C-alpha atoms as a PDB file:
ATOM      1  CA  UNK A   1      -3.946 133.549  71.766  1.00  0.00           C
ATOM      2  CA  UNK A   2      -3.078 129.855  71.902  1.00  0.00           C
ATOM      3  CA  UNK A   3       0.695 129.643  71.448  1.00  0.00           C
ATOM      4  CA  UNK A   4       2.732 129.904  74.640  1.00  0.00           C
ATOM      5  CA  UNK A   5       6.449 129.952  74.017  1.00  0.00           C
ATOM      6  CA  UNK A   6       8.692 130.526  77.002  1.00  0.00           C
ATOM      7  CA  UNK A   7       9.994 134.093  76.882  1.00  0.00           C
ATOM      8  CA  UNK A   8      13.672 134.669  76.244  1.00  0.00           C
ATOM      9  CA  UNK A   9      16.042 135.721  79.016  1.00  0.00           C
ATOM     10  CA  UNK A  10      15.951 139.408  79.872  1.00  0.00           C
ATOM     11  CA  UNK A  11      18.871 141.284  78.317  1.00  0.00           C
ATOM     12  CA  UNK A  12      19.963 143.008  81.517  1.00  0.00           C
ATOM     13  CA  UNK A  13      23.038 144.612  79.956  1.00  0.00           C
ATOM     14  CA  UNK A  14      20.960 146.267  77.238  1.00  0.00           C
ATOM     15  CA  UNK A  15      18.371 147.283  79.828  1.00  0.00           C
ATOM     16  CA  UNK A  16      21.039 148.997  81.921  1.00  0.00           C
ATOM     17  CA  UNK A  17      22.286 150.823  78.817  1.00  0.00           C
ATOM     18  CA  UNK A  18      18.718 152.013  78.174  1.00  0.00           C
ATOM     19  CA  UNK A  19      18.399 153.080  81.823  1.00  0.00           C
ATOM     20  CA  UNK A  20      21.688 154.986  81.635  1.00  0.00           C
ATOM     21  CA  UNK A  21      20.504 156.873  78.535  1.00  0.00           C
ATOM     22  CA  UNK A  22      17.206 157.730  80.260  1.00  0.00           C
ATOM     23  CA  UNK A  23      19.015 158.788  83.441  1.00  0.00           C
ATOM     24  CA  UNK A  24      21.373 161.029  81.473  1.00  0.00           C
ATOM     25  CA  UNK A  25      18.413 162.719  79.761  1.00  0.00           C
ATOM     26  CA  UNK A  26      16.330 163.024  82.964  1.00  0.00           C
ATOM     27  CA  UNK A  27      18.740 163.214  85.914  1.00  0.00           C
ATOM     28  CA  UNK A  28      16.345 165.014  88.284  1.00  0.00           C
ATOM     29  CA  UNK A  29      13.611 162.409  87.760  1.00  0.00           C
ATOM     30  CA  UNK A  30      16.025 159.547  88.358  1.00  0.00           C
ATOM     31  CA  UNK A  31      17.474 161.217  91.461  1.00  0.00           C
ATOM     32  CA  UNK A  32      13.957 161.561  92.861  1.00  0.00           C
ATOM     33  CA  UNK A  33      13.104 157.918  92.192  1.00  0.00           C
ATOM     34  CA  UNK A  34      16.151 155.863  91.167  1.00  0.00           C
ATOM     35  CA  UNK A  35      14.712 152.366  91.538  1.00  0.00           C
ATOM     36  CA  UNK A  36      13.769 150.405  88.468  1.00  0.00           C
ATOM     37  CA  UNK A  37      13.112 146.814  87.507  1.00  0.00           C
ATOM     38  CA  UNK A  38      13.517 144.965  84.235  1.00  0.00           C
ATOM     39  CA  UNK A  39      10.500 142.881  83.317  1.00  0.00           C
ATOM     40  CA  UNK A  40       7.987 142.015  80.624  1.00  0.00           C
ATOM     41  CA  UNK A  41       4.243 141.722  80.344  1.00  0.00           C
ATOM     42  CA  UNK A  42       2.592 138.301  80.444  1.00  0.00           C
ATOM     43  CA  UNK A  43       3.868 134.774  80.874  1.00  0.00           C
ATOM     44  CA  UNK A  44       4.862 133.880  77.320  1.00  0.00           C
ATOM     45  CA  UNK A  45       6.855 135.404  74.492  1.00  0.00           C
ATOM     46  CA  UNK A  46       3.680 135.837  72.460  1.00  0.00           C
ATOM     47  CA  UNK A  47       1.759 137.576  75.241  1.00  0.00           C
ATOM     48  CA  UNK A  48       4.742 139.803  76.069  1.00  0.00           C
ATOM     49  CA  UNK A  49       4.927 140.914  72.424  1.00  0.00           C
ATOM     50  CA  UNK A  50       1.164 141.390  72.125  1.00  0.00           C
ATOM     51  CA  UNK A  51       0.893 143.524  75.266  1.00  0.00           C
ATOM     52  CA  UNK A  52       4.043 145.513  74.531  1.00  0.00           C
ATOM     53  CA  UNK A  53       2.596 146.173  71.084  1.00  0.00           C
ATOM     54  CA  UNK A  54      -0.447 147.749  72.750  1.00  0.00           C
ATOM     55  CA  UNK A  55       1.858 149.960  74.815  1.00  0.00           C
ATOM     56  CA  UNK A  56       3.787 151.038  71.718  1.00  0.00           C
ATOM     57  CA  UNK A  57       0.564 151.667  69.761  1.00  0.00           C
ATOM     58  CA  UNK A  58      -0.844 153.744  72.593  1.00  0.00           C
ATOM     59  CA  UNK A  59      -4.006 152.240  74.096  1.00  0.00           C
ATOM     60  CA  UNK A  60      -2.318 150.352  76.949  1.00  0.00           C
ATOM     61  CA  UNK A  61      -1.407 152.635  79.842  1.00  0.00           C
ATOM     62  CA  UNK A  62      -2.277 150.344  82.736  1.00  0.00           C
ATOM     63  CA  UNK A  63      -1.499 146.869  83.978  1.00  0.00           C
ATOM     64  CA  UNK A  64      -2.558 144.569  86.799  1.00  0.00           C
ATOM     65  CA  UNK A  65      -0.505 142.060  88.762  1.00  0.00           C
ATOM     66  CA  UNK A  66      -1.378 139.930  91.756  1.00  0.00           C
ATOM     67  CA  UNK A  67       0.265 140.995  94.995  1.00  0.00           C
ATOM     68  CA  UNK A  68       1.090 137.302  95.435  1.00  0.00           C
ATOM     69  CA  UNK A  69       3.156 137.312  92.237  1.00  0.00           C
ATOM     70  CA  UNK A  70       5.371 140.106  93.584  1.00  0.00           C
ATOM     71  CA  UNK A  71       5.739 138.166  96.842  1.00  0.00           C
ATOM     72  CA  UNK A  72       6.550 134.917  95.011  1.00  0.00           C
ATOM     73  CA  UNK A  73       9.361 136.695  93.120  1.00  0.00           C
ATOM     74  CA  UNK A  74      10.617 138.367  96.281  1.00  0.00           C
ATOM     75  CA  UNK A  75      10.005 141.825  94.811  1.00  0.00           C
ATOM     76  CA  UNK A  76       8.574 144.823  96.627  1.00  0.00           C
ATOM     77  CA  UNK A  77       5.410 146.383  95.283  1.00  0.00           C
ATOM     78  CA  UNK A  78       6.016 149.287  92.930  1.00  0.00           C
ATOM     79  CA  UNK A  79       5.539 152.852  94.122  1.00  0.00           C
ATOM     80  CA  UNK A  80       4.335 155.937  92.336  1.00  0.00           C
ATOM     81  CA  UNK A  81       7.279 157.394  90.447  1.00  0.00           C
ATOM     82  CA  UNK A  82       9.160 154.108  90.154  1.00  0.00           C
ATOM     83  CA  UNK A  83      10.270 152.842  86.759  1.00  0.00           C
ATOM     84  CA  UNK A  84      10.391 149.591  84.903  1.00  0.00           C
ATOM     85  CA  UNK A  85      12.065 148.674  81.684  1.00  0.00           C
ATOM     86  CA  UNK A  86       9.611 146.656  79.612  1.00  0.00           C
ATOM     87  CA  UNK A  87      11.139 143.967  77.425  1.00  0.00           C
ATOM     88  CA  UNK A  88       9.651 142.092  74.502  1.00  0.00           C
ATOM     89  CA  UNK A  89       9.172 138.334  74.343  1.00  0.00           C
ATOM     90  CA  UNK A  90      12.788 137.789  73.312  1.00  0.00           C
ATOM     91  CA  UNK A  91      13.993 139.755  76.358  1.00  0.00           C
ATOM     92  CA  UNK A  92      15.056 142.892  74.481  1.00  0.00           C
ATOM     93  CA  UNK A  93      14.346 146.130  76.371  1.00  0.00           C
ATOM     94  CA  UNK A  94      12.003 148.378  74.414  1.00  0.00           C
ATOM     95  CA  UNK A  95      10.658 151.148  76.675  1.00  0.00           C
ATOM     96  CA  UNK A  96      10.998 152.669  80.114  1.00  0.00           C
ATOM     97  CA  UNK A  97       7.681 152.999  81.944  1.00  0.00           C
ATOM     98  CA  UNK A  98       7.014 155.143  85.015  1.00  0.00           C
ATOM     99  CA  UNK A  99       4.275 154.335  87.514  1.00  0.00           C
ATOM    100  CA  UNK A 100       1.840 157.241  87.779  1.00  0.00           C
ATOM    101  CA  UNK A 101      -0.923 155.675  89.857  1.00  0.00           C
ATOM    102  CA  UNK A 102      -1.154 152.578  92.023  1.00  0.00           C
ATOM    103  CA  UNK A 103      -3.896 151.027  94.089  1.00  0.00           C
ATOM    104  CA  UNK A 104      -4.612 147.677  95.669  1.00  0.00           C
ATOM    105  CA  UNK A 105      -7.942 146.081  94.810  1.00  0.00           C
ATOM    106  CA  UNK A 106      -9.672 142.778  94.200  1.00  0.00           C
ATOM    107  CA  UNK A 107     -11.065 141.671  90.863  1.00  0.00           C
ATOM    108  CA  UNK A 108     -14.522 142.910  91.930  1.00  0.00           C
ATOM    109  CA  UNK A 109     -13.129 146.413  92.602  1.00  0.00           C
ATOM    110  CA  UNK A 110     -11.865 147.004  89.062  1.00  0.00           C
ATOM    111  CA  UNK A 111     -13.921 149.523  87.101  1.00  0.00           C
ATOM    112  CA  UNK A 112     -14.618 150.207  83.419  1.00  0.00           C
ATOM    113  CA  UNK A 113     -12.082 153.055  83.304  1.00  0.00           C
ATOM    114  CA  UNK A 114      -9.238 150.825  84.440  1.00  0.00           C
ATOM    115  CA  UNK A 115     -10.245 148.049  82.013  1.00  0.00           C
ATOM    116  CA  UNK A 116     -10.267 150.611  79.184  1.00  0.00           C
ATOM    117  CA  UNK A 117      -6.840 151.952  80.204  1.00  0.00           C
ATOM    118  CA  UNK A 118      -5.352 148.445  80.081  1.00  0.00           C
ATOM    119  CA  UNK A 119      -6.128 148.599  76.360  1.00  0.00           C
ATOM    120  CA  UNK A 120      -6.653 144.866  75.894  1.00  0.00           C
ATOM    121  CA  UNK A 121      -9.296 142.863  74.012  1.00  0.00           C
ATOM    122  CA  UNK A 122     -12.407 145.009  73.482  1.00  0.00           C
ATOM    123  CA  UNK A 123     -11.451 147.220  76.467  1.00  0.00           C
ATOM    124  CA  UNK A 124     -14.622 146.385  78.420  1.00  0.00           C
ATOM    125  CA  UNK A 125     -14.775 145.377  82.067  1.00  0.00           C
ATOM    126  CA  UNK A 126     -16.364 142.030  81.177  1.00  0.00           C
ATOM    127  CA  UNK A 127     -13.515 141.173  78.811  1.00  0.00           C
ATOM    128  CA  UNK A 128     -10.931 142.420  81.316  1.00  0.00           C
ATOM    129  CA  UNK A 129     -12.333 140.250  84.119  1.00  0.00           C
ATOM    130  CA  UNK A 130     -12.660 137.147  81.931  1.00  0.00           C
ATOM    131  CA  UNK A 131      -9.144 137.337  80.457  1.00  0.00           C
ATOM    132  CA  UNK A 132      -7.409 138.336  83.695  1.00  0.00           C
ATOM    133  CA  UNK A 133      -9.148 135.572  85.609  1.00  0.00           C
ATOM    134  CA  UNK A 134      -7.947 133.089  82.957  1.00  0.00           C
ATOM    135  CA  UNK A 135      -4.416 134.507  83.121  1.00  0.00           C
ATOM    136  CA  UNK A 136      -4.230 134.478  86.927  1.00  0.00           C
ATOM    137  CA  UNK A 137      -5.638 130.965  87.170  1.00  0.00           C
ATOM    138  CA  UNK A 138      -2.841 129.854  84.836  1.00  0.00           C
ATOM    139  CA  UNK A 139      -0.026 131.802  86.534  1.00  0.00           C
ATOM    140  CA  UNK A 140      -1.122 130.865  90.036  1.00  0.00           C
ATOM    141  CA  UNK A 141      -1.269 127.192  89.041  1.00  0.00           C
ATOM    142  CA  UNK A 142       2.256 127.465  87.617  1.00  0.00           C
ATOM    143  CA  UNK A 143       3.554 128.454  91.062  1.00  0.00           C
ATOM    144  CA  UNK A 144       1.384 125.954  92.957  1.00  0.00           C
ATOM    145  CA  UNK A 145      -1.284 128.418  94.082  1.00  0.00           C
ATOM    146  CA  UNK A 146      -4.963 128.926  93.319  1.00  0.00           C
ATOM    147  CA  UNK A 147      -6.429 132.252  92.187  1.00  0.00           C
ATOM    148  CA  UNK A 148      -9.258 133.488  94.386  1.00  0.00           C
ATOM    149  CA  UNK A 149     -11.572 136.435  93.812  1.00  0.00           C
ATOM    150  CA  UNK A 150     -10.382 138.044  97.049  1.00  0.00           C
ATOM    151  CA  UNK A 151      -6.697 137.959  96.030  1.00  0.00           C
ATOM    152  CA  UNK A 152      -5.178 141.430  96.138  1.00  0.00           C
ATOM    153  CA  UNK A 153      -4.186 142.983  92.816  1.00  0.00           C
ATOM    154  CA  UNK A 154      -1.849 145.897  92.155  1.00  0.00           C
ATOM    155  CA  UNK A 155      -3.606 148.146  89.654  1.00  0.00           C
ATOM    156  CA  UNK A 156      -0.978 150.319  88.011  1.00  0.00           C
ATOM    157  CA  UNK A 157      -1.269 153.156  85.561  1.00  0.00           C
ATOM    158  CA  UNK A 158       1.940 154.203  83.830  1.00  0.00           C
ATOM    159  CA  UNK A 159       3.442 156.553  81.289  1.00  0.00           C
ATOM    160  CA  UNK A 160       5.956 155.691  78.597  1.00  0.00           C
ATOM    161  CA  UNK A 161       8.969 157.897  79.374  1.00  0.00           C
ATOM    162  CA  UNK A 162      11.774 156.514  77.153  1.00  0.00           C
ATOM    163  CA  UNK A 163      12.950 156.435  74.431  1.00  0.00           C
ATOM    164  CA  UNK A 164      12.108 160.086  73.807  1.00  0.00           C
ATOM    165  CA  UNK A 165      10.452 159.426  70.450  1.00  0.00           C
ATOM    166  CA  UNK A 166       7.946 157.068  72.097  1.00  0.00           C
ATOM    167  CA  UNK A 167       7.389 159.036  75.309  1.00  0.00           C
ATOM    168  CA  UNK A 168       3.895 160.183  76.224  1.00  0.00           C
END
């Protein structure tokens, strides 16, 4: 991927409509864990669309984000059971995801199973490490930081829970 177009603004009104539909269909789940965020994968419209496409096609059921990125945005770390509404590169909400597993690790702690579950590139650990290192070097630089191998990473597995026709 070479093109990097700034992603569009998140359509928060549409995201809240999606959340309301999910909450109406699954009130007990939402009562148990009502928090949710609206976000997208990646740092460009193209990457957001590419990674969301992998979620919609099925192989991507995990993601990784630096703890420092959450801190820089002033967001708490996710918790098991929490939700996020994943938007495409234009900012349109497409699916509701629910965190099913979380752990904190460094890049050296990531294993083949997690790399495979991220569903990206050739799904190997070598490819995962190479592409994530490249991504984090770029995103850290954009916020005036430097990626280091000992930076903490949130490794998250998730399920697609809405809309019903796309749910796992």
